């Protein structure tokens, strides 16, 4: 893997961590059950994407 590709993967990992934390925080603040569940699903999706990017290393 080139250094440029490594920087891209590291950047993508950072974005996924940020999106996961935003999704989790929002899910905990929402009072609407459907929206909260949707945000929890997004959190799971970003966790999966994080793991996929991590496996590239």
PDB file of N, CA and C in Angstrom:
ATOM      1  N   UNK A   1       0.846  -1.171   0.000  1.00  0.00           N
ATOM      2  CA  UNK A   1       0.000   0.000   0.000  1.00  0.00           C
ATOM      3  C   UNK A   1       0.893   1.237   0.000  1.00  0.00           C
ATOM      4  N   UNK A   2       0.581   2.165  -0.871  1.00  0.00           N
ATOM      5  CA  UNK A   2       1.384   3.387  -0.942  1.00  0.00           C
ATOM      6  C   UNK A   2       1.045   4.302   0.228  1.00  0.00           C
ATOM      7  N   UNK A   3       1.899   5.274   0.452  1.00  0.00           N
ATOM      8  CA  UNK A   3       1.659   6.202   1.560  1.00  0.00           C
ATOM      9  C   UNK A   3       0.399   7.035   1.313  1.00  0.00           C
ATOM     10  N   UNK A   4       0.121   7.334   0.059  1.00  0.00           N
ATOM     11  CA  UNK A   4      -1.088   8.097  -0.277  1.00  0.00           C
ATOM     12  C   UNK A   4      -2.338   7.270   0.021  1.00  0.00           C
ATOM     13  N   UNK A   5      -2.300   6.004  -0.310  1.00  0.00           N
ATOM     14  CA  UNK A   5      -3.433   5.122  -0.014  1.00  0.00           C
ATOM     15  C   UNK A   5      -3.613   4.955   1.492  1.00  0.00           C
ATOM     16  N   UNK A   6      -2.522   4.856   2.202  1.00  0.00           N
ATOM     17  CA  UNK A   6      -2.581   4.729   3.661  1.00  0.00           C
ATOM     18  C   UNK A   6      -3.214   5.972   4.281  1.00  0.00           C
ATOM     19  N   UNK A   7      -2.846   7.143   3.778  1.00  0.00           N
ATOM     20  CA  UNK A   7      -3.454   8.379   4.274  1.00  0.00           C
ATOM     21  C   UNK A   7      -4.954   8.399   4.008  1.00  0.00           C
ATOM     22  N   UNK A   8      -5.369   7.908   2.847  1.00  0.00           N
ATOM     23  CA  UNK A   8      -6.791   7.849   2.530  1.00  0.00           C
ATOM     24  C   UNK A   8      -7.530   6.940   3.506  1.00  0.00           C
ATOM     25  N   UNK A   9      -6.982   5.774   3.782  1.00  0.00           N
ATOM     26  CA  UNK A   9      -7.632   4.828   4.690  1.00  0.00           C
ATOM     27  C   UNK A   9      -7.694   5.412   6.099  1.00  0.00           C
ATOM     28  N   UNK A  10      -6.613   6.042   6.550  1.00  0.00           N
ATOM     29  CA  UNK A  10      -6.612   6.660   7.873  1.00  0.00           C
ATOM     30  C   UNK A  10      -7.655   7.764   7.960  1.00  0.00           C
ATOM     31  N   UNK A  11      -7.793   8.545   6.910  1.00  0.00           N
ATOM     32  CA  UNK A  11      -8.796   9.606   6.867  1.00  0.00           C
ATOM     33  C   UNK A  11     -10.211   9.015   6.906  1.00  0.00           C
ATOM     34  N   UNK A  12     -10.425   7.956   6.150  1.00  0.00           N
ATOM     35  CA  UNK A  12     -11.727   7.300   6.123  1.00  0.00           C
ATOM     36  C   UNK A  12     -12.069   6.715   7.493  1.00  0.00           C
ATOM     37  N   UNK A  13     -11.075   6.148   8.184  1.00  0.00           N
ATOM     38  CA  UNK A  13     -11.299   5.629   9.534  1.00  0.00           C
ATOM     39  C   UNK A  13     -11.735   6.743  10.480  1.00  0.00           C
ATOM     40  N   UNK A  14     -11.095   7.876  10.372  1.00  0.00           N
ATOM     41  CA  UNK A  14     -11.458   9.022  11.206  1.00  0.00           C
ATOM     42  C   UNK A  14     -12.875   9.493  10.950  1.00  0.00           C
ATOM     43  N   UNK A  15     -13.266   9.514   9.685  1.00  0.00           N
ATOM     44  CA  UNK A  15     -14.628   9.915   9.336  1.00  0.00           C
ATOM     45  C   UNK A  15     -15.655   8.930   9.893  1.00  0.00           C
ATOM     46  N   UNK A  16     -15.349   7.665   9.809  1.00  0.00           N
ATOM     47  CA  UNK A  16     -16.282   6.654  10.314  1.00  0.00           C
ATOM     48  C   UNK A  16     -16.429   6.730  11.828  1.00  0.00           C
ATOM     49  N   UNK A  17     -15.330   6.989  12.535  1.00  0.00           N
ATOM     50  CA  UNK A  17     -15.400   7.160  13.994  1.00  0.00           C
ATOM     51  C   UNK A  17     -16.289   8.359  14.323  1.00  0.00           C
ATOM     52  N   UNK A  18     -16.105   9.439  13.584  1.00  0.00           N
ATOM     53  CA  UNK A  18     -16.903  10.643  13.811  1.00  0.00           C
ATOM     54  C   UNK A  18     -18.385  10.379  13.546  1.00  0.00           C
ATOM     55  N   UNK A  19     -18.690   9.732  12.424  1.00  0.00           N
ATOM     56  CA  UNK A  19     -20.088   9.457  12.080  1.00  0.00           C
ATOM     57  C   UNK A  19     -20.729   8.498  13.082  1.00  0.00           C
ATOM     58  N   UNK A  20     -19.968   7.524  13.547  1.00  0.00           N
ATOM     59  CA  UNK A  20     -20.490   6.587  14.545  1.00  0.00           C
ATOM     60  C   UNK A  20     -20.829   7.320  15.837  1.00  0.00           C
ATOM     61  N   UNK A  21     -19.932   8.173  16.289  1.00  0.00           N
ATOM     62  CA  UNK A  21     -20.186   8.890  17.543  1.00  0.00           C
ATOM     63  C   UNK A  21     -21.355   9.865  17.400  1.00  0.00           C
ATOM     64  N   UNK A  22     -21.473  10.523  16.255  1.00  0.00           N
ATOM     65  CA  UNK A  22     -22.611  11.422  16.025  1.00  0.00           C
ATOM     66  C   UNK A  22     -23.922  10.646  16.008  1.00  0.00           C
ATOM     67  N   UNK A  23     -23.914   9.501  15.366  1.00  0.00           N
ATOM     68  CA  UNK A  23     -25.124   8.675  15.298  1.00  0.00           C
ATOM     69  C   UNK A  23     -25.532   8.199  16.680  1.00  0.00           C
ATOM     70  N   UNK A  24     -24.561   7.758  17.475  1.00  0.00           N
ATOM     71  CA  UNK A  24     -24.849   7.263  18.822  1.00  0.00           C
ATOM     72  C   UNK A  24     -25.387   8.390  19.702  1.00  0.00           C
ATOM     73  N   UNK A  25     -24.752   9.543  19.639  1.00  0.00           N
ATOM     74  CA  UNK A  25     -25.175  10.684  20.447  1.00  0.00           C
ATOM     75  C   UNK A  25     -26.595  11.114  20.077  1.00  0.00           C
ATOM     76  N   UNK A  26     -26.869  11.180  18.784  1.00  0.00           N
ATOM     77  CA  UNK A  26     -28.188  11.594  18.324  1.00  0.00           C
ATOM     78  C   UNK A  26     -29.247  10.576  18.705  1.00  0.00           C
ATOM     79  N   UNK A  27     -28.932   9.288  18.566  1.00  0.00           N
ATOM     80  CA  UNK A  27     -29.901   8.239  18.921  1.00  0.00           C
ATOM     81  C   UNK A  27     -30.281   8.332  20.391  1.00  0.00           C
ATOM     82  N   UNK A  28     -29.324   8.678  21.246  1.00  0.00           N
ATOM     83  CA  UNK A  28     -29.600   8.782  22.674  1.00  0.00           C
ATOM     84  C   UNK A  28     -30.399  10.023  23.037  1.00  0.00           C
ATOM     85  N   UNK A  29     -30.363  11.040  22.188  1.00  0.00           N
ATOM     86  CA  UNK A  29     -31.074  12.283  22.468  1.00  0.00           C
ATOM     87  C   UNK A  29     -32.493  12.311  21.915  1.00  0.00           C
ATOM     88  N   UNK A  30     -32.768  11.488  20.924  1.00  0.00           N
ATOM     89  CA  UNK A  30     -34.089  11.518  20.294  1.00  0.00           C
ATOM     90  C   UNK A  30     -35.144  10.876  21.182  1.00  0.00           C
ATOM     91  N   UNK A  31     -36.326  11.463  21.146  1.00  0.00           N
ATOM     92  CA  UNK A  31     -37.444  10.884  21.896  1.00  0.00           C
ATOM     93  C   UNK A  31     -38.330  10.037  20.996  1.00  0.00           C
ATOM     94  N   UNK A  32     -38.284  10.287  19.695  1.00  0.00           N
ATOM     95  CA  UNK A  32     -39.057   9.488  18.736  1.00  0.00           C
ATOM     96  C   UNK A  32     -38.372   8.133  18.572  1.00  0.00           C
ATOM     97  N   UNK A  33     -39.094   7.076  18.875  1.00  0.00           N
ATOM     98  CA  UNK A  33     -38.516   5.723  18.861  1.00  0.00           C
ATOM     99  C   UNK A  33     -38.062   5.329  17.462  1.00  0.00           C
ATOM    100  N   UNK A  34     -38.857   5.641  16.453  1.00  0.00           N
ATOM    101  CA  UNK A  34     -38.493   5.265  15.081  1.00  0.00           C
ATOM    102  C   UNK A  34     -37.210   5.967  14.625  1.00  0.00           C
ATOM    103  N   UNK A  35     -37.113   7.247  14.914  1.00  0.00           N
ATOM    104  CA  UNK A  35     -35.902   7.977  14.528  1.00  0.00           C
ATOM    105  C   UNK A  35     -34.691   7.485  15.325  1.00  0.00           C
ATOM    106  N   UNK A  36     -34.903   7.203  16.591  1.00  0.00           N
ATOM    107  CA  UNK A  36     -33.810   6.690  17.417  1.00  0.00           C
ATOM    108  C   UNK A  36     -33.313   5.343  16.893  1.00  0.00           C
ATOM    109  N   UNK A  37     -34.226   4.480  16.524  1.00  0.00           N
ATOM    110  CA  UNK A  37     -33.839   3.184  15.960  1.00  0.00           C
ATOM    111  C   UNK A  37     -33.101   3.348  14.641  1.00  0.00           C
ATOM    112  N   UNK A  38     -33.540   4.298  13.829  1.00  0.00           N
ATOM    113  CA  UNK A  38     -32.867   4.567  12.553  1.00  0.00           C
ATOM    114  C   UNK A  38     -31.426   5.018  12.805  1.00  0.00           C
ATOM    115  N   UNK A  39     -31.237   5.890  13.788  1.00  0.00           N
ATOM    116  CA  UNK A  39     -29.892   6.365  14.092  1.00  0.00           C
ATOM    117  C   UNK A  39     -29.028   5.234  14.644  1.00  0.00           C
ATOM    118  N   UNK A  40     -29.615   4.321  15.395  1.00  0.00           N
ATOM    119  CA  UNK A  40     -28.865   3.158  15.886  1.00  0.00           C
ATOM    120  C   UNK A  40     -28.443   2.258  14.728  1.00  0.00           C
ATOM    121  N   UNK A  41     -29.316   2.145  13.717  1.00  0.00           N
ATOM    122  CA  UNK A  41     -28.956   1.384  12.517  1.00  0.00           C
ATOM    123  C   UNK A  41     -27.794   2.050  11.788  1.00  0.00           C
ATOM    124  N   UNK A  42     -27.826   3.373  11.719  1.00  0.00           N
ATOM    125  CA  UNK A  42     -26.720   4.098  11.086  1.00  0.00           C
ATOM    126  C   UNK A  42     -25.418   3.891  11.864  1.00  0.00           C
ATOM    127  N   UNK A  43     -25.525   3.864  13.172  1.00  0.00           N
ATOM    128  CA  UNK A  43     -24.340   3.618  13.995  1.00  0.00           C
ATOM    129  C   UNK A  43     -23.735   2.251  13.667  1.00  0.00           C
ATOM    130  N   UNK A  44     -24.584   1.244  13.538  1.00  0.00           N
ATOM    131  CA  UNK A  44     -24.103  -0.097  13.185  1.00  0.00           C
ATOM    132  C   UNK A  44     -23.455  -0.100  11.804  1.00  0.00           C
ATOM    133  N   UNK A  45     -24.069   0.616  10.870  1.00  0.00           N
ATOM    134  CA  UNK A  45     -23.530   0.675   9.510  1.00  0.00           C
ATOM    135  C   UNK A  45     -22.149   1.323   9.504  1.00  0.00           C
ATOM    136  N   UNK A  46     -21.977   2.394  10.268  1.00  0.00           N
ATOM    137  CA  UNK A  46     -20.672   3.056  10.311  1.00  0.00           C
ATOM    138  C   UNK A  46     -19.638   2.207  11.044  1.00  0.00           C
ATOM    139  N   UNK A  47     -20.076   1.415  11.991  1.00  0.00           N
ATOM    140  CA  UNK A  47     -19.163   0.480  12.650  1.00  0.00           C
ATOM    141  C   UNK A  47     -18.675  -0.561  11.654  1.00  0.00           C
ATOM    142  N   UNK A  48     -19.586  -1.068  10.836  1.00  0.00           N
ATOM    143  CA  UNK A  48     -19.213  -2.047   9.814  1.00  0.00           C
ATOM    144  C   UNK A  48     -18.259  -1.444   8.790  1.00  0.00           C
ATOM    145  N   UNK A  49     -18.539  -0.208   8.372  1.00  0.00           N
ATOM    146  CA  UNK A  49     -17.646   0.460   7.426  1.00  0.00           C
ATOM    147  C   UNK A  49     -16.264   0.697   8.042  1.00  0.00           C
ATOM    148  N   UNK A  50     -16.223   1.076   9.308  1.00  0.00           N
ATOM    149  CA  UNK A  50     -14.951   1.238  10.003  1.00  0.00           C
ATOM    150  C   UNK A  50     -14.158  -0.063   9.966  1.00  0.00           C
ATOM    151  N   UNK A  51     -14.825  -1.152  10.279  1.00  0.00           N
ATOM    152  CA  UNK A  51     -14.140  -2.460  10.297  1.00  0.00           C
ATOM    153  C   UNK A  51     -13.649  -2.853   8.914  1.00  0.00           C
ATOM    154  N   UNK A  52     -14.399  -2.529   7.882  1.00  0.00           N
ATOM    155  CA  UNK A  52     -13.969  -2.838   6.513  1.00  0.00           C
ATOM    156  C   UNK A  52     -12.714  -2.040   6.150  1.00  0.00           C
ATOM    157  N   UNK A  53     -12.717  -0.754   6.498  1.00  0.00           N
ATOM    158  CA  UNK A  53     -11.521   0.060   6.229  1.00  0.00           C
ATOM    159  C   UNK A  53     -10.337  -0.432   7.046  1.00  0.00           C
ATOM    160  N   UNK A  54     -10.588  -0.802   8.286  1.00  0.00           N
ATOM    161  CA  UNK A  54      -9.520  -1.299   9.150  1.00  0.00           C
ATOM    162  C   UNK A  54      -8.910  -2.580   8.592  1.00  0.00           C
ATOM    163  N   UNK A  55      -9.726  -3.423   7.995  1.00  0.00           N
ATOM    164  CA  UNK A  55      -9.217  -4.665   7.407  1.00  0.00           C
ATOM    165  C   UNK A  55      -8.336  -4.435   6.194  1.00  0.00           C
ATOM    166  N   UNK A  56      -8.385  -3.238   5.624  1.00  0.00           N
ATOM    167  CA  UNK A  56      -7.495  -2.923   4.501  1.00  0.00           C
ATOM    168  C   UNK A  56      -6.046  -2.771   4.971  1.00  0.00           C
ATOM    169  N   UNK A  57      -5.887  -2.483   6.236  1.00  0.00           N
ATOM    170  CA  UNK A  57      -4.528  -2.300   6.774  1.00  0.00           C
ATOM    171  C   UNK A  57      -3.986  -3.634   7.107  1.00  0.00           C
TER     172      UNK A  57
END
